[in-house]
Amino acid sequence: MSTEPVHARRTLILAWLVTGLCAVGGSMLGNAFGRSGLFAGATLGGIVGVAVSVLVAVRLAWLPRAARGGAMIGGLVGFALAAPIAVLNLDTPVTPIASCALVGVGVLFGAGFARRS
């Protein structure tokens, strides 16, 4: 069990913003290849965003190094839950942005689970 502190709010916001921006960037790049490219780009961008946000949080000591794997898995699960919500609500900008908060929540749950193991 790790005794290092977790900076929950900072980590949640970091994962939320970085993953959202990477998913949007990936969808913009993938859009050049049509609708399926748009979704593939958003998915790949979101996965990269989860990885980058977890690595940055560990580097800034907002998450303990030992929780890195759990945080990554939790973030990917959060992204898997957020992506369909975002896709089904593309007509409004608020819902897709808000759904990315699930990534931050997933990172924190995963980190918490890893810390207890």
Protein backbone atom coordinates (compact mmCIF):
# COMPACT_ATOMS: atom_id res chain seq x y z
CA MET A 1 0.00 0.00 0.00
CA SER A 2 1.43 3.36 -1.06
CA THR A 3 1.54 6.32 1.29
CA GLU A 4 2.23 8.88 -1.43
CA PRO A 5 -0.53 11.50 -1.78
CA VAL A 6 -2.91 11.60 -4.71
CA HIS A 7 -3.86 15.04 -5.96
CA ALA A 8 -7.35 14.04 -7.04
CA ARG A 9 -8.74 17.31 -8.39
CA ARG A 10 -5.64 18.12 -10.40
CA THR A 11 -5.43 14.60 -11.81
CA LEU A 12 -9.12 14.52 -12.72
CA ILE A 13 -8.94 17.84 -14.55
CA LEU A 14 -5.68 16.92 -16.29
CA ALA A 15 -7.05 13.60 -17.55
CA TRP A 16 -10.35 15.22 -18.56
CA LEU A 17 -8.74 18.03 -20.58
CA VAL A 18 -5.82 16.15 -22.14
CA THR A 19 -7.94 13.20 -23.22
CA GLY A 20 -10.67 15.44 -24.59
CA LEU A 21 -8.21 17.56 -26.55
CA CYS A 22 -6.39 14.54 -27.92
CA ALA A 23 -9.68 12.90 -28.98
CA VAL A 24 -10.79 16.08 -30.74
CA GLY A 25 -7.39 16.45 -32.41
CA GLY A 26 -7.46 12.83 -33.52
CA SER A 27 -10.94 13.20 -34.95
CA MET A 28 -9.89 16.30 -36.88
CA LEU A 29 -6.91 14.48 -38.38
CA GLY A 30 -8.96 11.36 -39.09
CA ASN A 31 -11.71 13.38 -40.76
CA ALA A 32 -9.52 13.56 -43.87
CA PHE A 33 -10.25 9.83 -44.31
CA GLY A 34 -14.03 10.12 -44.01
CA ARG A 35 -16.45 9.26 -41.24
CA SER A 36 -14.75 6.03 -40.19
CA GLY A 37 -11.41 7.85 -40.10
CA LEU A 38 -12.95 10.50 -37.87
CA PHE A 39 -14.03 7.88 -35.32
CA ALA A 40 -10.76 5.96 -35.57
CA GLY A 41 -8.80 9.17 -35.05
CA ALA A 42 -10.90 10.15 -32.05
CA THR A 43 -10.44 6.71 -30.52
CA LEU A 44 -6.69 6.67 -31.08
CA GLY A 45 -6.41 10.26 -29.86
CA GLY A 46 -8.39 9.42 -26.71
CA ILE A 47 -6.15 6.45 -25.94
CA VAL A 48 -3.07 8.59 -26.40
CA GLY A 49 -4.65 11.27 -24.21
CA VAL A 50 -5.23 8.80 -21.37
CA ALA A 51 -1.63 7.61 -21.56
CA VAL A 52 -0.20 11.13 -21.69
CA SER A 53 -2.35 12.38 -18.82
CA VAL A 54 -1.41 9.45 -16.56
CA LEU A 55 2.29 9.80 -17.37
CA VAL A 56 2.19 13.56 -16.73
CA ALA A 57 0.34 13.06 -13.43
CA VAL A 58 2.97 10.55 -12.32
CA ARG A 59 5.80 12.85 -13.48
CA LEU A 60 4.31 15.77 -11.49
CA ALA A 61 3.92 13.42 -8.48
CA TRP A 62 0.14 13.87 -8.50
CA LEU A 63 -0.14 10.08 -8.70
CA PRO A 64 2.25 7.55 -7.18
CA ARG A 65 4.38 5.65 -9.68
CA ALA A 66 3.00 2.34 -8.34
CA ALA A 67 -0.53 3.40 -9.32
CA ARG A 68 0.41 4.09 -12.94
CA GLY A 69 -0.91 0.80 -14.37
CA GLY A 70 -4.19 0.92 -12.49
CA ALA A 71 -4.68 4.57 -13.44
CA MET A 72 -4.08 3.72 -17.10
CA ILE A 73 -6.61 0.87 -17.07
CA GLY A 74 -9.16 2.97 -15.19
CA GLY A 75 -8.69 5.84 -17.62
CA LEU A 76 -9.20 3.56 -20.61
CA VAL A 77 -12.38 2.15 -19.06
CA GLY A 78 -13.56 5.73 -18.42
CA PHE A 79 -12.81 6.60 -22.05
CA ALA A 80 -14.69 3.51 -23.24
CA LEU A 81 -17.72 4.75 -21.27
CA ALA A 82 -17.34 8.37 -22.39
CA ALA A 83 -16.89 7.74 -26.12
CA PRO A 84 -20.40 6.41 -26.86
CA ILE A 85 -21.96 9.20 -24.81
CA ALA A 86 -20.00 11.77 -26.79
CA VAL A 87 -20.84 10.17 -30.16
CA LEU A 88 -24.55 10.01 -29.40
CA ASN A 89 -24.62 13.68 -28.38
CA LEU A 90 -22.56 15.42 -31.05
CA ASP A 91 -25.39 17.91 -31.65
CA THR A 92 -24.56 19.68 -28.39
CA PRO A 93 -21.01 20.66 -27.37
CA VAL A 94 -21.64 20.37 -23.62
CA THR A 95 -22.37 16.64 -23.34
CA PRO A 96 -19.27 15.36 -25.19
CA ILE A 97 -17.07 17.68 -23.15
CA ALA A 98 -18.72 16.67 -19.89
CA SER A 99 -18.50 12.97 -20.75
CA CYS A 100 -14.71 13.22 -20.82
CA ALA A 101 -14.86 13.73 -17.05
CA LEU A 102 -15.44 9.96 -16.91
CA VAL A 103 -11.83 9.54 -17.98
CA GLY A 104 -10.58 11.47 -14.96
CA VAL A 105 -12.90 9.54 -12.68
CA GLY A 106 -11.64 6.28 -14.18
CA VAL A 107 -8.02 7.33 -13.66
CA LEU A 108 -8.70 8.04 -10.00
CA PHE A 109 -10.62 4.80 -9.45
CA GLY A 110 -7.90 2.80 -11.17
CA ALA A 111 -5.17 4.52 -9.17
CA GLY A 112 -7.08 3.93 -5.95
CA PHE A 113 -7.54 0.27 -6.77
CA ALA A 114 -3.84 -0.11 -7.59
CA ARG A 115 -2.85 1.57 -4.33
CA ARG A 116 -4.93 -0.89 -2.31
CA SER A 117 -3.50 -3.97 -4.02
